[in-house]
Amino acid sequence: MGVKVESGGDDEGVTGEGDVPSAGAGAAPAGASASSESLGYEQARDELIDVVRRLEAGGTTLEESLALWERGEVLAKVCRRWLEGARARLDAALSAEG
């Protein structure tokens, strides 16, 4: 299985269906991967778990390890955006109640 590394973007503004973007989120910058942008939280989390397992197992070249690390960073940002969106939605719902 090859590792695809996206560079040049930090996945700002990654959202999914029904997701409320966090404050300051805008369009994804040039170079951001469409595949990373469309990942749901669970998909990104599961792929991140796989990346971590592969890094911990070792046996990869330095170049492969760096590619895995970079992919993990992208996936972690996707997860963080989803969690920030969920937090914003929860905060909005709680403030509407009270």
C-alpha atoms as a PDB file:
ATOM      1  CA  MET A   1       0.000   0.000   0.000  1.00  0.00           C
ATOM      2  CA  GLY A   2       1.518   3.316  -1.054  1.00  0.00           C
ATOM      3  CA  VAL A   3       1.391   6.384   1.108  1.00  0.00           C
ATOM      4  CA  LYS A   4       0.074   9.553  -0.465  1.00  0.00           C
ATOM      5  CA  VAL A   5       1.467  12.707   1.088  1.00  0.00           C
ATOM      6  CA  GLU A   6      -0.269  16.016   0.674  1.00  0.00           C
ATOM      7  CA  SER A   7       1.902  19.057   1.022  1.00  0.00           C
ATOM      8  CA  GLY A   8       1.326  22.757   0.876  1.00  0.00           C
ATOM      9  CA  GLY A   9      -1.934  22.773   2.816  1.00  0.00           C
ATOM     10  CA  ASP A  10      -2.929  22.540   6.405  1.00  0.00           C
ATOM     11  CA  ASP A  11      -6.551  21.517   5.824  1.00  0.00           C
ATOM     12  CA  GLU A  12      -7.997  24.750   7.209  1.00  0.00           C
ATOM     13  CA  GLY A  13     -11.751  24.765   6.986  1.00  0.00           C
ATOM     14  CA  VAL A  14     -12.190  21.014   6.723  1.00  0.00           C
ATOM     15  CA  THR A  15     -15.837  20.291   7.305  1.00  0.00           C
ATOM     16  CA  GLY A  16     -18.263  17.533   6.556  1.00  0.00           C
ATOM     17  CA  GLU A  17     -21.979  17.300   5.964  1.00  0.00           C
ATOM     18  CA  GLY A  18     -23.848  18.834   8.868  1.00  0.00           C
ATOM     19  CA  ASP A  19     -20.624  20.090  10.426  1.00  0.00           C
ATOM     20  CA  VAL A  20     -20.495  23.609  11.767  1.00  0.00           C
ATOM     21  CA  PRO A  21     -17.108  25.144  10.910  1.00  0.00           C
ATOM     22  CA  SER A  22     -15.145  26.510  13.812  1.00  0.00           C
ATOM     23  CA  ALA A  23     -14.627  30.254  14.065  1.00  0.00           C
ATOM     24  CA  GLY A  24     -12.261  31.560  11.435  1.00  0.00           C
ATOM     25  CA  ALA A  25     -12.578  28.520   9.197  1.00  0.00           C
ATOM     26  CA  GLY A  26     -12.640  29.325   5.516  1.00  0.00           C
ATOM     27  CA  ALA A  27     -12.088  27.613   2.227  1.00  0.00           C
ATOM     28  CA  ALA A  28      -9.319  25.064   2.027  1.00  0.00           C
ATOM     29  CA  PRO A  29      -6.034  26.523   0.799  1.00  0.00           C
ATOM     30  CA  ALA A  30      -4.466  25.667  -2.514  1.00  0.00           C
ATOM     31  CA  GLY A  31      -2.722  22.311  -2.322  1.00  0.00           C
ATOM     32  CA  ALA A  32      -5.049  20.821   0.275  1.00  0.00           C
ATOM     33  CA  SER A  33      -6.115  17.315  -0.658  1.00  0.00           C
ATOM     34  CA  ALA A  34      -9.727  16.850  -1.674  1.00  0.00           C
ATOM     35  CA  SER A  35      -9.577  13.336  -0.241  1.00  0.00           C
ATOM     36  CA  SER A  36      -8.481  14.642   3.157  1.00  0.00           C
ATOM     37  CA  GLU A  37     -11.165  17.331   3.094  1.00  0.00           C
ATOM     38  CA  SER A  38     -13.914  14.797   2.459  1.00  0.00           C
ATOM     39  CA  LEU A  39     -12.893  12.397   5.228  1.00  0.00           C
ATOM     40  CA  GLY A  40     -15.334  11.964   8.050  1.00  0.00           C
ATOM     41  CA  TYR A  41     -14.095  11.957  11.619  1.00  0.00           C
ATOM     42  CA  GLU A  42     -14.206   8.174  11.981  1.00  0.00           C
ATOM     43  CA  GLN A  43     -12.416   7.618   8.672  1.00  0.00           C
ATOM     44  CA  ALA A  44      -9.642  10.068   9.567  1.00  0.00           C
ATOM     45  CA  ARG A  45      -9.324   8.606  13.077  1.00  0.00           C
ATOM     46  CA  ASP A  46      -9.105   5.039  11.782  1.00  0.00           C
ATOM     47  CA  GLU A  47      -6.499   5.948   9.175  1.00  0.00           C
ATOM     48  CA  LEU A  48      -4.532   7.863  11.822  1.00  0.00           C
ATOM     49  CA  ILE A  49      -4.570   4.785  14.070  1.00  0.00           C
ATOM     50  CA  ASP A  50      -3.208   2.729  11.170  1.00  0.00           C
ATOM     51  CA  VAL A  51      -0.466   5.288  10.509  1.00  0.00           C
ATOM     52  CA  VAL A  52       0.584   5.228  14.184  1.00  0.00           C
ATOM     53  CA  ARG A  53       0.648   1.418  14.225  1.00  0.00           C
ATOM     54  CA  ARG A  54       2.833   1.338  11.128  1.00  0.00           C
ATOM     55  CA  LEU A  55       5.245   3.886  12.599  1.00  0.00           C
ATOM     56  CA  GLU A  56       5.422   2.024  15.904  1.00  0.00           C
ATOM     57  CA  ALA A  57       6.015  -1.299  14.158  1.00  0.00           C
ATOM     58  CA  GLY A  58       9.085   0.068  12.408  1.00  0.00           C
ATOM     59  CA  GLY A  59      10.665  -1.635   9.450  1.00  0.00           C
ATOM     60  CA  THR A  60      10.095   1.307   7.114  1.00  0.00           C
ATOM     61  CA  THR A  61      12.697   3.454   5.453  1.00  0.00           C
ATOM     62  CA  LEU A  62      13.349   6.959   6.662  1.00  0.00           C
ATOM     63  CA  GLU A  63      11.516   8.347   3.638  1.00  0.00           C
ATOM     64  CA  GLU A  64       8.491   6.107   4.266  1.00  0.00           C
ATOM     65  CA  SER A  65       8.487   7.046   7.933  1.00  0.00           C
ATOM     66  CA  LEU A  66       8.549  10.750   7.083  1.00  0.00           C
ATOM     67  CA  ALA A  67       5.671  10.283   4.613  1.00  0.00           C
ATOM     68  CA  LEU A  68       3.671   8.426   7.256  1.00  0.00           C
ATOM     69  CA  TRP A  69       4.385  11.133   9.823  1.00  0.00           C
ATOM     70  CA  GLU A  70       3.260  13.869   7.416  1.00  0.00           C
ATOM     71  CA  ARG A  71       0.063  11.959   6.598  1.00  0.00           C
ATOM     72  CA  GLY A  72      -0.568  11.540  10.307  1.00  0.00           C
ATOM     73  CA  GLU A  73      -0.264  15.287  10.820  1.00  0.00           C
ATOM     74  CA  VAL A  74      -2.864  15.909   8.095  1.00  0.00           C
ATOM     75  CA  LEU A  75      -5.204  13.312   9.587  1.00  0.00           C
ATOM     76  CA  ALA A  76      -4.806  14.752  13.090  1.00  0.00           C
ATOM     77  CA  LYS A  77      -5.810  18.187  11.762  1.00  0.00           C
ATOM     78  CA  VAL A  78      -8.886  16.701  10.094  1.00  0.00           C
ATOM     79  CA  CYS A  79      -9.884  15.069  13.393  1.00  0.00           C
ATOM     80  CA  ARG A  80      -9.244  18.286  15.303  1.00  0.00           C
ATOM     81  CA  ARG A  81     -11.476  20.268  12.895  1.00  0.00           C
ATOM     82  CA  TRP A  82     -14.307  17.759  13.317  1.00  0.00           C
ATOM     83  CA  LEU A  83     -14.001  17.910  17.103  1.00  0.00           C
ATOM     84  CA  GLU A  84     -13.899  21.718  17.087  1.00  0.00           C
ATOM     85  CA  GLY A  85     -17.029  21.741  14.923  1.00  0.00           C
ATOM     86  CA  ALA A  86     -18.781  19.354  17.293  1.00  0.00           C
ATOM     87  CA  ARG A  87     -17.789  21.511  20.253  1.00  0.00           C
ATOM     88  CA  ALA A  88     -19.138  24.633  18.516  1.00  0.00           C
ATOM     89  CA  ARG A  89     -22.438  22.888  17.778  1.00  0.00           C
ATOM     90  CA  LEU A  90     -22.743  21.717  21.371  1.00  0.00           C
ATOM     91  CA  ASP A  91     -21.931  25.182  22.727  1.00  0.00           C
ATOM     92  CA  ALA A  92     -24.517  26.733  20.386  1.00  0.00           C
ATOM     93  CA  ALA A  93     -27.186  24.232  21.485  1.00  0.00           C
ATOM     94  CA  LEU A  94     -26.436  24.814  25.159  1.00  0.00           C
ATOM     95  CA  SER A  95     -26.501  28.599  24.821  1.00  0.00           C
ATOM     96  CA  ALA A  96     -29.829  28.425  22.928  1.00  0.00           C
ATOM     97  CA  GLU A  97     -31.353  26.530  25.859  1.00  0.00           C
ATOM     98  CA  GLY A  98     -30.322  28.995  28.483  1.00  0.00           C
END
